[in-house]
Amino acid sequence: MKSLLNWPLIYGEPNWVPLEAALAPEQREDYMYMGQAGPIVLYKHRWTRRYLNVGLDGVTFFRHSDAGYEEIDRSEALDYAGT
């Protein structure tokens, strides 16, 4: 697993491409675009309030509050976020 440093959060025009690649259309409607940290796009689940962090290349990540982002398995990321 790869651990990445913290990047500043950048807000702007929503990028839905990584989410579209990660989820079926009926699952996407439960997510809000929250911004981007380096190459990782952040989406928040509307009910669980947990984040699904998806890289521009489709890799999923978990954010540790003190250690940055860690690459995790997609199924693990989806389970955590509540999909």
N, C-alpha and C. Protein backbone atom coordinates (compact mmCIF):
# COMPACT_ATOMS: atom_id res chain seq x y z
N MET A 1 0.83 -1.18 0.00
CA MET A 1 0.00 0.00 0.00
C MET A 1 0.88 1.24 0.00
N LYS A 2 0.40 2.26 -0.67
CA LYS A 2 1.16 3.47 -0.82
C LYS A 2 0.55 4.58 0.05
N SER A 3 1.38 5.24 0.82
CA SER A 3 0.93 6.35 1.65
C SER A 3 1.35 7.65 0.98
N LEU A 4 0.45 8.59 0.88
CA LEU A 4 0.72 9.85 0.21
C LEU A 4 0.61 11.01 1.20
N LEU A 5 1.37 12.03 0.95
CA LEU A 5 1.34 13.20 1.82
C LEU A 5 0.02 13.94 1.70
N ASN A 6 -0.23 14.78 2.67
CA ASN A 6 -1.41 15.62 2.62
C ASN A 6 -1.23 16.69 1.55
N TRP A 7 -2.24 16.93 0.77
CA TRP A 7 -2.25 17.99 -0.22
C TRP A 7 -3.31 19.00 0.20
N PRO A 8 -3.15 20.25 -0.19
CA PRO A 8 -4.20 21.22 0.11
C PRO A 8 -5.45 20.88 -0.70
N LEU A 9 -6.59 21.15 -0.13
CA LEU A 9 -7.86 20.89 -0.79
C LEU A 9 -8.15 22.03 -1.76
N ILE A 10 -8.45 21.67 -2.98
CA ILE A 10 -8.75 22.65 -4.02
C ILE A 10 -10.21 22.50 -4.41
N TYR A 11 -10.92 23.61 -4.39
CA TYR A 11 -12.33 23.62 -4.79
C TYR A 11 -12.40 24.17 -6.20
N GLY A 12 -13.41 23.82 -6.91
CA GLY A 12 -13.56 24.33 -8.27
C GLY A 12 -14.68 23.58 -8.96
N GLU A 13 -14.58 23.57 -10.26
CA GLU A 13 -15.58 22.88 -11.08
C GLU A 13 -15.56 21.39 -10.74
N PRO A 14 -16.70 20.80 -10.43
CA PRO A 14 -16.74 19.37 -10.07
C PRO A 14 -16.18 18.47 -11.17
N ASN A 15 -15.44 17.47 -10.76
CA ASN A 15 -14.91 16.47 -11.67
C ASN A 15 -15.61 15.15 -11.32
N TRP A 16 -16.53 14.74 -12.17
CA TRP A 16 -17.32 13.54 -11.91
C TRP A 16 -16.74 12.29 -12.58
N VAL A 17 -15.73 12.44 -13.41
CA VAL A 17 -15.20 11.31 -14.17
C VAL A 17 -14.73 10.15 -13.27
N PRO A 18 -13.93 10.39 -12.22
CA PRO A 18 -13.51 9.27 -11.38
C PRO A 18 -14.69 8.55 -10.70
N LEU A 19 -15.69 9.32 -10.26
CA LEU A 19 -16.86 8.71 -9.62
C LEU A 19 -17.66 7.88 -10.63
N GLU A 20 -17.79 8.41 -11.85
CA GLU A 20 -18.51 7.68 -12.89
C GLU A 20 -17.84 6.35 -13.22
N ALA A 21 -16.51 6.33 -13.12
CA ALA A 21 -15.79 5.09 -13.40
C ALA A 21 -15.87 4.09 -12.24
N ALA A 22 -16.08 4.61 -11.02
CA ALA A 22 -16.08 3.76 -9.83
C ALA A 22 -17.44 3.19 -9.48
N LEU A 23 -18.52 3.87 -9.85
CA LEU A 23 -19.85 3.47 -9.39
C LEU A 23 -20.86 3.36 -10.52
N ALA A 24 -21.87 2.56 -10.28
CA ALA A 24 -23.00 2.46 -11.20
C ALA A 24 -23.82 3.74 -11.12
N PRO A 25 -24.54 4.11 -12.19
CA PRO A 25 -25.30 5.36 -12.19
C PRO A 25 -26.25 5.53 -11.00
N GLU A 26 -26.92 4.46 -10.59
CA GLU A 26 -27.87 4.59 -9.48
C GLU A 26 -27.18 4.84 -8.14
N GLN A 27 -25.91 4.52 -8.03
CA GLN A 27 -25.16 4.76 -6.79
C GLN A 27 -24.58 6.18 -6.73
N ARG A 28 -24.31 6.76 -7.88
CA ARG A 28 -23.66 8.08 -7.94
C ARG A 28 -24.49 9.19 -7.34
N GLU A 29 -25.81 9.07 -7.42
CA GLU A 29 -26.67 10.16 -6.95
C GLU A 29 -26.55 10.42 -5.45
N ASP A 30 -25.97 9.50 -4.71
CA ASP A 30 -25.80 9.67 -3.26
C ASP A 30 -24.51 10.38 -2.89
N TYR A 31 -23.76 10.86 -3.87
CA TYR A 31 -22.47 11.51 -3.59
C TYR A 31 -22.46 12.98 -4.00
N MET A 32 -21.73 13.75 -3.20
CA MET A 32 -21.51 15.17 -3.47
C MET A 32 -20.03 15.38 -3.76
N TYR A 33 -19.73 16.23 -4.70
CA TYR A 33 -18.35 16.59 -4.98
C TYR A 33 -17.88 17.55 -3.89
N MET A 34 -16.70 17.25 -3.31
CA MET A 34 -16.20 18.09 -2.21
C MET A 34 -14.90 18.83 -2.57
N GLY A 35 -14.23 18.41 -3.61
CA GLY A 35 -12.99 19.07 -3.99
C GLY A 35 -11.96 18.06 -4.45
N GLN A 36 -10.72 18.54 -4.56
CA GLN A 36 -9.65 17.68 -5.02
C GLN A 36 -8.39 17.97 -4.21
N ALA A 37 -7.70 16.91 -3.81
CA ALA A 37 -6.44 17.00 -3.08
C ALA A 37 -5.38 16.35 -3.96
N GLY A 38 -4.57 17.15 -4.62
CA GLY A 38 -3.60 16.61 -5.57
C GLY A 38 -4.35 15.84 -6.64
N PRO A 39 -3.96 14.59 -6.91
CA PRO A 39 -4.64 13.80 -7.93
C PRO A 39 -5.83 13.00 -7.40
N ILE A 40 -6.26 13.28 -6.17
CA ILE A 40 -7.35 12.53 -5.55
C ILE A 40 -8.60 13.40 -5.48
N VAL A 41 -9.70 12.91 -6.04
CA VAL A 41 -10.96 13.64 -6.04
C VAL A 41 -11.80 13.12 -4.88
N LEU A 42 -12.39 14.06 -4.12
CA LEU A 42 -13.12 13.72 -2.90
C LEU A 42 -14.63 13.85 -3.10
N TYR A 43 -15.33 12.79 -2.74
CA TYR A 43 -16.79 12.77 -2.82
C TYR A 43 -17.32 12.35 -1.45
N LYS A 44 -18.40 12.99 -1.02
CA LYS A 44 -19.00 12.65 0.28
C LYS A 44 -20.36 12.00 0.06
N HIS A 45 -20.58 10.89 0.75
CA HIS A 45 -21.86 10.19 0.68
C HIS A 45 -22.90 10.99 1.47
N ARG A 46 -24.05 11.21 0.86
CA ARG A 46 -25.05 12.09 1.49
C ARG A 46 -25.63 11.54 2.79
N TRP A 47 -25.68 10.23 2.97
CA TRP A 47 -26.30 9.68 4.18
C TRP A 47 -25.27 9.30 5.24
N THR A 48 -24.18 8.66 4.84
CA THR A 48 -23.19 8.25 5.83
C THR A 48 -22.23 9.38 6.19
N ARG A 49 -22.13 10.39 5.31
CA ARG A 49 -21.23 11.54 5.47
C ARG A 49 -19.76 11.11 5.41
N ARG A 50 -19.51 9.93 4.89
CA ARG A 50 -18.14 9.44 4.75
C ARG A 50 -17.66 9.71 3.32
N TYR A 51 -16.34 9.81 3.22
CA TYR A 51 -15.74 10.15 1.93
C TYR A 51 -15.35 8.93 1.11
N LEU A 52 -15.55 9.07 -0.18
CA LEU A 52 -15.01 8.14 -1.17
C LEU A 52 -13.96 8.94 -1.93
N ASN A 53 -12.71 8.57 -1.77
CA ASN A 53 -11.58 9.29 -2.37
C ASN A 53 -11.08 8.48 -3.56
N VAL A 54 -11.20 9.06 -4.74
CA VAL A 54 -10.86 8.34 -5.97
C VAL A 54 -9.81 9.14 -6.74
N GLY A 55 -8.71 8.47 -7.06
CA GLY A 55 -7.67 9.11 -7.85
C GLY A 55 -8.10 9.31 -9.29
N LEU A 56 -7.44 10.22 -9.96
CA LEU A 56 -7.74 10.47 -11.37
C LEU A 56 -7.54 9.22 -12.21
N ASP A 57 -6.72 8.30 -11.72
CA ASP A 57 -6.48 7.03 -12.41
C ASP A 57 -7.40 5.91 -11.95
N GLY A 58 -8.37 6.22 -11.07
CA GLY A 58 -9.34 5.23 -10.60
C GLY A 58 -8.96 4.50 -9.33
N VAL A 59 -7.76 4.72 -8.82
CA VAL A 59 -7.33 4.10 -7.57
C VAL A 59 -8.06 4.75 -6.41
N THR A 60 -8.46 3.96 -5.41
CA THR A 60 -9.18 4.51 -4.26
C THR A 60 -8.25 4.65 -3.06
N PHE A 61 -8.59 5.62 -2.19
CA PHE A 61 -7.74 5.96 -1.06
C PHE A 61 -8.56 6.15 0.21
N PHE A 62 -7.90 5.91 1.34
CA PHE A 62 -8.44 6.24 2.66
C PHE A 62 -7.59 7.38 3.21
N ARG A 63 -8.22 8.37 3.81
CA ARG A 63 -7.47 9.49 4.37
C ARG A 63 -7.33 9.31 5.87
N HIS A 64 -6.10 9.23 6.32
CA HIS A 64 -5.79 9.21 7.75
C HIS A 64 -5.62 10.65 8.20
N SER A 65 -6.22 11.01 9.30
CA SER A 65 -6.18 12.41 9.73
C SER A 65 -4.77 12.93 9.96
N ASP A 66 -3.83 12.05 10.30
CA ASP A 66 -2.49 12.53 10.60
C ASP A 66 -1.42 12.03 9.63
N ALA A 67 -1.77 11.16 8.70
CA ALA A 67 -0.74 10.55 7.85
C ALA A 67 -1.04 10.66 6.35
N GLY A 68 -1.99 11.45 5.98
CA GLY A 68 -2.28 11.60 4.56
C GLY A 68 -3.16 10.49 4.01
N TYR A 69 -3.00 10.21 2.72
CA TYR A 69 -3.84 9.25 2.02
C TYR A 69 -3.11 7.93 1.81
N GLU A 70 -3.85 6.86 1.98
CA GLU A 70 -3.30 5.53 1.78
C GLU A 70 -4.13 4.80 0.73
N GLU A 71 -3.49 4.20 -0.23
CA GLU A 71 -4.18 3.44 -1.26
C GLU A 71 -4.84 2.22 -0.63
N ILE A 72 -6.12 2.02 -0.94
CA ILE A 72 -6.86 0.85 -0.44
C ILE A 72 -7.63 0.21 -1.58
N ASP A 73 -8.06 -1.01 -1.36
CA ASP A 73 -8.85 -1.75 -2.33
C ASP A 73 -10.18 -1.05 -2.58
N ARG A 74 -10.64 -1.07 -3.81
CA ARG A 74 -11.88 -0.39 -4.16
C ARG A 74 -13.07 -0.89 -3.34
N SER A 75 -13.19 -2.21 -3.14
CA SER A 75 -14.32 -2.73 -2.37
C SER A 75 -14.27 -2.23 -0.93
N GLU A 76 -13.08 -2.13 -0.39
CA GLU A 76 -12.91 -1.59 0.96
C GLU A 76 -13.35 -0.12 1.03
N ALA A 77 -12.98 0.64 0.03
CA ALA A 77 -13.36 2.06 -0.03
C ALA A 77 -14.87 2.22 -0.15
N LEU A 78 -15.47 1.39 -0.96
CA LEU A 78 -16.93 1.48 -1.15
C LEU A 78 -17.68 1.04 0.10
N ASP A 79 -17.20 0.02 0.76
CA ASP A 79 -17.80 -0.42 2.03
C ASP A 79 -17.71 0.69 3.07
N TYR A 80 -16.57 1.32 3.17
CA TYR A 80 -16.37 2.40 4.16
C TYR A 80 -17.31 3.57 3.88
N ALA A 81 -17.39 3.97 2.64
CA ALA A 81 -18.21 5.14 2.29
C ALA A 81 -19.70 4.87 2.43
N GLY A 82 -20.09 3.63 2.30
CA GLY A 82 -21.50 3.32 2.47
C GLY A 82 -22.22 2.94 1.21
N THR A 83 -21.50 2.64 0.17
CA THR A 83 -22.11 2.27 -1.10
C THR A 83 -22.52 0.81 -1.08
